N, C-alpha and C. Protein backbone atom coordinates (compact mmCIF):
# COMPACT_ATOMS: atom_id res chain seq x y z
N MET A 1 -8.39 -11.07 -17.16
CA MET A 1 -7.01 -10.75 -16.84
C MET A 1 -6.35 -12.01 -16.30
N GLN A 2 -5.13 -12.27 -16.76
CA GLN A 2 -4.42 -13.48 -16.37
C GLN A 2 -4.12 -13.53 -14.88
N ALA A 3 -3.79 -12.39 -14.29
CA ALA A 3 -3.47 -12.38 -12.86
C ALA A 3 -4.66 -12.86 -12.04
N ASP A 4 -5.86 -12.42 -12.40
CA ASP A 4 -7.05 -12.87 -11.68
C ASP A 4 -7.18 -14.39 -11.74
N ALA A 5 -7.02 -14.95 -12.92
CA ALA A 5 -7.16 -16.40 -13.08
C ALA A 5 -6.11 -17.13 -12.24
N CYS A 6 -4.89 -16.64 -12.26
CA CYS A 6 -3.83 -17.28 -11.47
C CYS A 6 -4.12 -17.21 -9.98
N PHE A 7 -4.53 -16.03 -9.51
CA PHE A 7 -4.81 -15.89 -8.08
C PHE A 7 -6.06 -16.67 -7.68
N ASN A 8 -7.07 -16.70 -8.53
CA ASN A 8 -8.26 -17.49 -8.21
C ASN A 8 -7.92 -18.97 -8.08
N LYS A 9 -7.07 -19.47 -8.99
CA LYS A 9 -6.65 -20.87 -8.91
C LYS A 9 -5.84 -21.11 -7.64
N LEU A 10 -4.90 -20.22 -7.36
CA LEU A 10 -4.07 -20.35 -6.16
C LEU A 10 -4.93 -20.37 -4.90
N LEU A 11 -5.89 -19.44 -4.83
CA LEU A 11 -6.71 -19.34 -3.62
C LEU A 11 -7.75 -20.45 -3.54
N ASP A 12 -8.13 -21.04 -4.68
CA ASP A 12 -8.98 -22.23 -4.64
C ASP A 12 -8.21 -23.38 -4.02
N GLU A 13 -6.93 -23.48 -4.37
CA GLU A 13 -6.09 -24.57 -3.87
C GLU A 13 -5.63 -24.33 -2.43
N GLN A 14 -5.39 -23.04 -2.09
CA GLN A 14 -4.89 -22.69 -0.76
C GLN A 14 -5.67 -21.48 -0.23
N PRO A 15 -6.92 -21.69 0.17
CA PRO A 15 -7.78 -20.56 0.54
C PRO A 15 -7.29 -19.74 1.73
N ASP A 16 -6.44 -20.29 2.57
CA ASP A 16 -5.95 -19.55 3.73
C ASP A 16 -4.59 -18.89 3.50
N TYR A 17 -4.10 -18.90 2.27
CA TYR A 17 -2.80 -18.34 1.95
C TYR A 17 -2.90 -16.81 1.94
N LEU A 18 -2.43 -16.19 3.04
CA LEU A 18 -2.58 -14.73 3.21
C LEU A 18 -1.85 -13.94 2.15
N ASN A 19 -0.63 -14.33 1.81
CA ASN A 19 0.11 -13.56 0.81
C ASN A 19 -0.57 -13.60 -0.56
N GLY A 20 -1.22 -14.69 -0.86
CA GLY A 20 -1.98 -14.77 -2.11
C GLY A 20 -3.18 -13.85 -2.10
N GLN A 21 -3.89 -13.81 -0.97
CA GLN A 21 -5.03 -12.89 -0.83
C GLN A 21 -4.56 -11.45 -0.92
N TYR A 22 -3.43 -11.16 -0.25
CA TYR A 22 -2.85 -9.82 -0.25
C TYR A 22 -2.51 -9.36 -1.67
N ALA A 23 -1.79 -10.21 -2.40
CA ALA A 23 -1.39 -9.85 -3.76
C ALA A 23 -2.60 -9.71 -4.68
N HIS A 24 -3.57 -10.59 -4.52
CA HIS A 24 -4.78 -10.52 -5.35
C HIS A 24 -5.54 -9.22 -5.07
N ALA A 25 -5.56 -8.79 -3.83
CA ALA A 25 -6.23 -7.53 -3.49
C ALA A 25 -5.58 -6.36 -4.22
N TYR A 26 -4.26 -6.37 -4.34
CA TYR A 26 -3.59 -5.29 -5.07
C TYR A 26 -3.90 -5.33 -6.57
N VAL A 27 -4.09 -6.53 -7.12
CA VAL A 27 -4.53 -6.64 -8.51
C VAL A 27 -5.90 -5.99 -8.64
N TYR A 28 -6.79 -6.30 -7.71
CA TYR A 28 -8.11 -5.67 -7.73
C TYR A 28 -8.01 -4.14 -7.64
N LEU A 29 -7.14 -3.64 -6.78
CA LEU A 29 -6.97 -2.19 -6.66
C LEU A 29 -6.58 -1.57 -7.99
N GLN A 30 -5.62 -2.19 -8.67
CA GLN A 30 -5.15 -1.64 -9.94
C GLN A 30 -6.24 -1.68 -11.00
N ARG A 31 -7.17 -2.57 -10.85
CA ARG A 31 -8.29 -2.67 -11.80
C ARG A 31 -9.47 -1.80 -11.38
N GLY A 32 -9.33 -1.09 -10.27
CA GLY A 32 -10.42 -0.24 -9.80
C GLY A 32 -11.54 -0.99 -9.12
N MET A 33 -11.29 -2.22 -8.73
CA MET A 33 -12.29 -3.08 -8.09
C MET A 33 -12.13 -2.96 -6.57
N HIS A 34 -12.51 -1.81 -6.05
CA HIS A 34 -12.26 -1.48 -4.65
C HIS A 34 -13.02 -2.36 -3.67
N GLN A 35 -14.25 -2.69 -3.98
CA GLN A 35 -15.04 -3.55 -3.07
C GLN A 35 -14.36 -4.91 -2.90
N GLU A 36 -13.93 -5.48 -4.03
CA GLU A 36 -13.29 -6.79 -3.99
C GLU A 36 -11.96 -6.71 -3.24
N ALA A 37 -11.21 -5.64 -3.50
CA ALA A 37 -9.93 -5.45 -2.80
C ALA A 37 -10.17 -5.33 -1.30
N ALA A 38 -11.16 -4.54 -0.91
CA ALA A 38 -11.44 -4.34 0.51
C ALA A 38 -11.78 -5.66 1.19
N LYS A 39 -12.57 -6.50 0.54
CA LYS A 39 -12.95 -7.79 1.13
C LYS A 39 -11.72 -8.65 1.39
N LEU A 40 -10.81 -8.70 0.42
CA LEU A 40 -9.60 -9.51 0.62
C LEU A 40 -8.70 -8.90 1.68
N PHE A 41 -8.51 -7.57 1.63
CA PHE A 41 -7.67 -6.94 2.64
C PHE A 41 -8.26 -7.11 4.04
N GLU A 42 -9.58 -7.08 4.16
CA GLU A 42 -10.22 -7.30 5.47
C GLU A 42 -9.89 -8.69 6.00
N ARG A 43 -9.92 -9.69 5.13
CA ARG A 43 -9.58 -11.05 5.56
C ARG A 43 -8.14 -11.13 6.04
N VAL A 44 -7.23 -10.52 5.27
CA VAL A 44 -5.82 -10.53 5.65
C VAL A 44 -5.63 -9.79 6.97
N TYR A 45 -6.26 -8.64 7.09
CA TYR A 45 -6.12 -7.78 8.27
C TYR A 45 -6.61 -8.48 9.54
N GLU A 46 -7.67 -9.27 9.42
CA GLU A 46 -8.19 -10.01 10.57
C GLU A 46 -7.14 -10.96 11.14
N THR A 47 -6.32 -11.52 10.28
CA THR A 47 -5.32 -12.49 10.69
C THR A 47 -3.96 -11.85 10.96
N ASN A 48 -3.60 -10.85 10.15
CA ASN A 48 -2.27 -10.26 10.24
C ASN A 48 -2.38 -8.76 9.94
N LYS A 49 -2.54 -7.96 11.00
CA LYS A 49 -2.72 -6.52 10.83
C LYS A 49 -1.55 -5.87 10.10
N SER A 50 -0.32 -6.27 10.42
CA SER A 50 0.83 -5.62 9.79
C SER A 50 0.90 -5.92 8.30
N LEU A 51 0.43 -7.07 7.87
CA LEU A 51 0.41 -7.39 6.44
C LEU A 51 -0.73 -6.68 5.72
N GLY A 52 -1.90 -6.69 6.31
CA GLY A 52 -3.08 -6.17 5.61
C GLY A 52 -3.42 -4.72 5.86
N GLY A 53 -2.80 -4.09 6.84
CA GLY A 53 -3.19 -2.74 7.25
C GLY A 53 -3.05 -1.67 6.20
N ALA A 54 -1.91 -1.61 5.54
CA ALA A 54 -1.69 -0.55 4.55
C ALA A 54 -2.68 -0.65 3.40
N GLY A 55 -2.83 -1.85 2.88
CA GLY A 55 -3.77 -2.04 1.78
C GLY A 55 -5.20 -1.73 2.17
N LEU A 56 -5.58 -2.18 3.35
CA LEU A 56 -6.95 -1.94 3.81
C LEU A 56 -7.19 -0.46 4.07
N GLY A 57 -6.27 0.19 4.78
CA GLY A 57 -6.43 1.61 5.04
C GLY A 57 -6.46 2.43 3.77
N TYR A 58 -5.56 2.10 2.83
CA TYR A 58 -5.54 2.78 1.53
C TYR A 58 -6.87 2.60 0.81
N THR A 59 -7.33 1.37 0.75
CA THR A 59 -8.56 1.06 0.03
C THR A 59 -9.75 1.78 0.65
N TYR A 60 -9.86 1.72 1.97
CA TYR A 60 -10.94 2.46 2.63
C TYR A 60 -10.86 3.94 2.29
N GLY A 61 -9.65 4.50 2.28
CA GLY A 61 -9.48 5.91 1.97
C GLY A 61 -9.98 6.26 0.59
N VAL A 62 -9.56 5.49 -0.43
CA VAL A 62 -9.99 5.81 -1.80
C VAL A 62 -11.47 5.54 -2.01
N MET A 63 -12.06 4.69 -1.17
CA MET A 63 -13.50 4.43 -1.26
C MET A 63 -14.32 5.50 -0.53
N GLY A 64 -13.65 6.42 0.15
CA GLY A 64 -14.37 7.45 0.90
C GLY A 64 -14.82 6.99 2.27
N ARG A 65 -14.32 5.87 2.71
CA ARG A 65 -14.65 5.34 4.03
C ARG A 65 -13.62 5.86 5.03
N ARG A 66 -13.61 7.17 5.19
CA ARG A 66 -12.60 7.90 5.94
C ARG A 66 -12.46 7.42 7.39
N ALA A 67 -13.56 7.28 8.10
CA ALA A 67 -13.50 6.88 9.51
C ALA A 67 -12.84 5.51 9.64
N GLU A 68 -13.16 4.59 8.74
CA GLU A 68 -12.56 3.26 8.80
C GLU A 68 -11.07 3.32 8.45
N ALA A 69 -10.71 4.16 7.47
CA ALA A 69 -9.30 4.31 7.12
C ALA A 69 -8.52 4.89 8.29
N LEU A 70 -9.09 5.88 8.96
CA LEU A 70 -8.42 6.48 10.11
C LEU A 70 -8.27 5.49 11.26
N LYS A 71 -9.24 4.61 11.42
CA LYS A 71 -9.15 3.57 12.45
C LYS A 71 -8.00 2.62 12.14
N VAL A 72 -7.88 2.22 10.89
CA VAL A 72 -6.78 1.33 10.50
C VAL A 72 -5.44 2.06 10.68
N LEU A 73 -5.39 3.34 10.31
CA LEU A 73 -4.18 4.13 10.51
C LEU A 73 -3.79 4.15 11.98
N ASP A 74 -4.75 4.39 12.84
CA ASP A 74 -4.48 4.40 14.28
C ASP A 74 -3.97 3.04 14.76
N ASP A 75 -4.60 1.97 14.26
CA ASP A 75 -4.15 0.62 14.62
C ASP A 75 -2.71 0.39 14.18
N MET A 76 -2.38 0.83 12.97
CA MET A 76 -1.03 0.63 12.45
C MET A 76 0.00 1.45 13.22
N LEU A 77 -0.35 2.68 13.56
CA LEU A 77 0.56 3.51 14.35
C LEU A 77 0.79 2.89 15.73
N ASN A 78 -0.27 2.39 16.35
CA ASN A 78 -0.14 1.71 17.64
C ASN A 78 0.70 0.45 17.52
N LEU A 79 0.49 -0.30 16.45
CA LEU A 79 1.26 -1.52 16.22
C LEU A 79 2.75 -1.19 16.05
N SER A 80 3.04 -0.09 15.37
CA SER A 80 4.44 0.28 15.13
C SER A 80 5.16 0.68 16.42
N ARG A 81 4.43 1.02 17.45
CA ARG A 81 5.03 1.42 18.73
C ARG A 81 5.28 0.22 19.65
N GLN A 82 4.78 -0.93 19.26
CA GLN A 82 4.96 -2.11 20.10
C GLN A 82 6.39 -2.64 19.98
N PRO A 83 6.94 -3.10 21.10
CA PRO A 83 8.30 -3.66 21.04
C PRO A 83 8.36 -4.86 20.10
N ASN A 84 9.46 -4.97 19.43
CA ASN A 84 9.71 -6.10 18.52
C ASN A 84 8.71 -6.20 17.37
N THR A 85 8.10 -5.09 17.01
CA THR A 85 7.18 -5.07 15.88
C THR A 85 7.66 -4.01 14.90
N TYR A 86 7.83 -4.42 13.66
CA TYR A 86 8.28 -3.49 12.63
C TYR A 86 7.16 -3.26 11.64
N VAL A 87 6.77 -2.02 11.52
CA VAL A 87 5.80 -1.61 10.51
C VAL A 87 6.54 -0.62 9.62
N PRO A 88 6.82 -1.00 8.37
CA PRO A 88 7.55 -0.09 7.49
C PRO A 88 6.82 1.25 7.32
N SER A 89 7.59 2.30 7.28
CA SER A 89 7.01 3.64 7.14
C SER A 89 6.19 3.77 5.86
N GLN A 90 6.57 3.04 4.83
CA GLN A 90 5.81 3.07 3.59
C GLN A 90 4.37 2.62 3.82
N GLU A 91 4.17 1.71 4.75
CA GLU A 91 2.82 1.21 5.02
C GLU A 91 1.93 2.32 5.57
N ILE A 92 2.50 3.14 6.45
CA ILE A 92 1.75 4.27 6.98
C ILE A 92 1.49 5.29 5.87
N ALA A 93 2.52 5.52 5.04
CA ALA A 93 2.37 6.45 3.92
C ALA A 93 1.23 6.03 2.99
N MET A 94 1.09 4.74 2.75
CA MET A 94 0.03 4.25 1.86
C MET A 94 -1.35 4.64 2.37
N ILE A 95 -1.55 4.55 3.67
CA ILE A 95 -2.86 4.89 4.21
C ILE A 95 -3.12 6.39 4.02
N TYR A 96 -2.10 7.21 4.27
CA TYR A 96 -2.26 8.64 4.03
C TYR A 96 -2.54 8.94 2.56
N LEU A 97 -1.91 8.19 1.66
CA LEU A 97 -2.20 8.38 0.23
C LEU A 97 -3.66 8.08 -0.07
N GLY A 98 -4.14 6.99 0.47
CA GLY A 98 -5.55 6.64 0.26
C GLY A 98 -6.49 7.70 0.78
N LEU A 99 -6.10 8.34 1.87
CA LEU A 99 -6.91 9.41 2.44
C LEU A 99 -6.76 10.74 1.69
N GLY A 100 -5.80 10.78 0.76
CA GLY A 100 -5.57 12.02 0.01
C GLY A 100 -4.75 13.04 0.79
N ASP A 101 -4.12 12.62 1.87
CA ASP A 101 -3.30 13.51 2.70
C ASP A 101 -1.85 13.38 2.23
N LEU A 102 -1.52 14.10 1.17
CA LEU A 102 -0.20 13.96 0.57
C LEU A 102 0.91 14.50 1.46
N ASP A 103 0.62 15.54 2.23
CA ASP A 103 1.67 16.08 3.10
C ASP A 103 2.16 15.02 4.08
N ASN A 104 1.25 14.35 4.76
CA ASN A 104 1.65 13.29 5.69
C ASN A 104 2.20 12.08 4.95
N ALA A 105 1.66 11.79 3.78
CA ALA A 105 2.18 10.68 3.00
C ALA A 105 3.65 10.89 2.69
N PHE A 106 4.02 12.12 2.30
CA PHE A 106 5.42 12.37 1.98
C PHE A 106 6.32 12.37 3.21
N VAL A 107 5.79 12.75 4.35
CA VAL A 107 6.57 12.63 5.59
C VAL A 107 6.97 11.17 5.78
N TRP A 108 6.02 10.28 5.63
CA TRP A 108 6.27 8.85 5.86
C TRP A 108 7.06 8.22 4.71
N LEU A 109 6.86 8.69 3.48
CA LEU A 109 7.66 8.18 2.37
C LEU A 109 9.14 8.54 2.57
N ASN A 110 9.39 9.74 3.06
CA ASN A 110 10.77 10.14 3.34
C ASN A 110 11.37 9.33 4.49
N LYS A 111 10.55 9.00 5.48
CA LYS A 111 11.03 8.12 6.56
C LYS A 111 11.40 6.76 5.99
N ALA A 112 10.58 6.26 5.08
CA ALA A 112 10.87 4.96 4.46
C ALA A 112 12.18 5.03 3.67
N ALA A 113 12.42 6.15 3.01
CA ALA A 113 13.68 6.32 2.28
C ALA A 113 14.85 6.34 3.26
N ASP A 114 14.67 7.02 4.39
CA ASP A 114 15.72 7.05 5.42
C ASP A 114 16.02 5.65 5.94
N GLU A 115 14.99 4.82 6.03
CA GLU A 115 15.14 3.44 6.50
C GLU A 115 15.73 2.52 5.43
N ARG A 116 15.88 3.04 4.24
CA ARG A 116 16.36 2.27 3.08
C ARG A 116 15.46 1.05 2.85
N PHE A 117 14.17 1.33 2.86
CA PHE A 117 13.16 0.30 2.66
C PHE A 117 13.36 -0.32 1.28
N ALA A 118 13.68 -1.60 1.24
CA ALA A 118 14.10 -2.28 0.00
C ALA A 118 13.12 -2.11 -1.17
N PRO A 119 11.81 -2.24 -0.97
CA PRO A 119 10.90 -2.09 -2.11
C PRO A 119 10.93 -0.71 -2.77
N PHE A 120 11.59 0.25 -2.14
CA PHE A 120 11.70 1.57 -2.74
C PHE A 120 12.49 1.54 -4.04
N ALA A 121 13.21 0.47 -4.30
CA ALA A 121 13.91 0.35 -5.58
C ALA A 121 12.94 0.45 -6.75
N TYR A 122 11.66 0.17 -6.49
CA TYR A 122 10.63 0.18 -7.53
C TYR A 122 9.69 1.39 -7.42
N LEU A 123 10.04 2.31 -6.57
CA LEU A 123 9.17 3.46 -6.29
C LEU A 123 8.73 4.18 -7.56
N ALA A 124 9.65 4.44 -8.46
CA ALA A 124 9.34 5.23 -9.65
C ALA A 124 8.43 4.51 -10.64
N ILE A 125 8.37 3.18 -10.54
CA ILE A 125 7.53 2.43 -11.49
C ILE A 125 6.35 1.72 -10.82
N ASP A 126 6.27 1.79 -9.51
CA ASP A 126 5.17 1.15 -8.78
C ASP A 126 3.87 1.87 -9.14
N PRO A 127 2.88 1.14 -9.68
CA PRO A 127 1.63 1.80 -10.08
C PRO A 127 0.87 2.45 -8.92
N MET A 128 1.16 2.05 -7.68
CA MET A 128 0.49 2.68 -6.54
C MET A 128 0.85 4.16 -6.42
N PHE A 129 1.98 4.54 -6.97
CA PHE A 129 2.45 5.92 -6.84
C PHE A 129 2.33 6.71 -8.13
N LYS A 130 1.66 6.15 -9.11
CA LYS A 130 1.56 6.77 -10.43
C LYS A 130 1.02 8.20 -10.38
N ASN A 131 0.02 8.43 -9.54
CA ASN A 131 -0.58 9.78 -9.49
C ASN A 131 0.32 10.79 -8.79
N LEU A 132 1.45 10.36 -8.26
CA LEU A 132 2.39 11.28 -7.61
C LEU A 132 3.53 11.71 -8.52
N HIS A 133 3.63 11.12 -9.70
CA HIS A 133 4.78 11.34 -10.57
C HIS A 133 5.05 12.81 -10.89
N SER A 134 4.05 13.63 -10.94
CA SER A 134 4.27 15.04 -11.27
C SER A 134 4.50 15.91 -10.03
N ASP A 135 4.34 15.34 -8.86
CA ASP A 135 4.55 16.09 -7.62
C ASP A 135 6.05 16.30 -7.40
N THR A 136 6.45 17.54 -7.18
CA THR A 136 7.89 17.84 -7.01
C THR A 136 8.50 17.06 -5.85
N ARG A 137 7.71 16.79 -4.81
CA ARG A 137 8.23 16.02 -3.68
C ARG A 137 8.56 14.59 -4.10
N PHE A 138 7.74 14.04 -4.99
CA PHE A 138 8.01 12.69 -5.49
C PHE A 138 9.25 12.69 -6.38
N ILE A 139 9.33 13.67 -7.24
CA ILE A 139 10.49 13.78 -8.13
C ILE A 139 11.77 13.91 -7.31
N GLU A 140 11.73 14.73 -6.28
CA GLU A 140 12.89 14.90 -5.40
C GLU A 140 13.23 13.59 -4.67
N LEU A 141 12.22 12.87 -4.24
CA LEU A 141 12.45 11.61 -3.54
C LEU A 141 13.10 10.59 -4.47
N VAL A 142 12.59 10.48 -5.69
CA VAL A 142 13.16 9.57 -6.67
C VAL A 142 14.61 9.95 -6.95
N HIS A 143 14.86 11.24 -7.09
CA HIS A 143 16.24 11.72 -7.33
C HIS A 143 17.14 11.40 -6.13
N ARG A 144 16.63 11.65 -4.94
CA ARG A 144 17.39 11.37 -3.71
C ARG A 144 17.80 9.90 -3.60
N LEU A 145 16.94 9.04 -4.08
CA LEU A 145 17.19 7.61 -4.02
C LEU A 145 18.03 7.12 -5.21
N HIS A 146 18.38 8.05 -6.10
CA HIS A 146 19.19 7.73 -7.28
C HIS A 146 18.48 6.70 -8.17
N LEU A 147 17.17 6.86 -8.30
CA LEU A 147 16.39 5.98 -9.16
C LEU A 147 16.18 6.66 -10.50
N PRO A 148 16.00 5.87 -11.55
CA PRO A 148 15.67 6.51 -12.82
C PRO A 148 14.30 7.17 -12.71
N PRO A 149 14.12 8.29 -13.36
CA PRO A 149 12.82 8.96 -13.26
C PRO A 149 11.71 8.10 -13.85
N SER A 150 10.51 8.33 -13.34
CA SER A 150 9.36 7.59 -13.85
C SER A 150 9.07 8.04 -15.27
N ASN A 151 8.50 7.16 -16.03
CA ASN A 151 8.12 7.48 -17.40
C ASN A 151 6.76 8.16 -17.37
N PRO A 152 6.67 9.44 -17.74
CA PRO A 152 5.40 10.16 -17.64
C PRO A 152 4.32 9.61 -18.56
N SER A 153 4.67 8.79 -19.54
CA SER A 153 3.66 8.25 -20.46
C SER A 153 3.01 7.00 -19.90
N THR A 154 3.47 6.50 -18.75
CA THR A 154 2.88 5.28 -18.19
C THR A 154 1.80 5.59 -17.21
């Protein structure tokens, strides 16, 4: 995959580049390479909890590492309560998605919509949310945001 080659080259040249590790971890997630994604998210999380928390918690959740996912969720919730610290609601929602807790995930997704979280412009096409496309709550959220509906064939 071309993305892997690009990120491997980038990280060879700049091994401490957190955003590169973060993005590469999401490529691994989309390829079903959860172990590799977890390793990268763990590195990011060690340095920057707010950047790496959602991805790490989500990945632990889908890997069945529930206790670790819940620990990251707790860390993220505590971080969001700190003064002058912003943790987007979508980040909390991602961890709930990884845990398979759709009810809480939608609570936080709706909070993110209320916050007008900019990346929500891609909600309907973001592959992280693909398995939610048939959920009426997702359809309603996409409609509420005035986004084009997701393509069910993707």
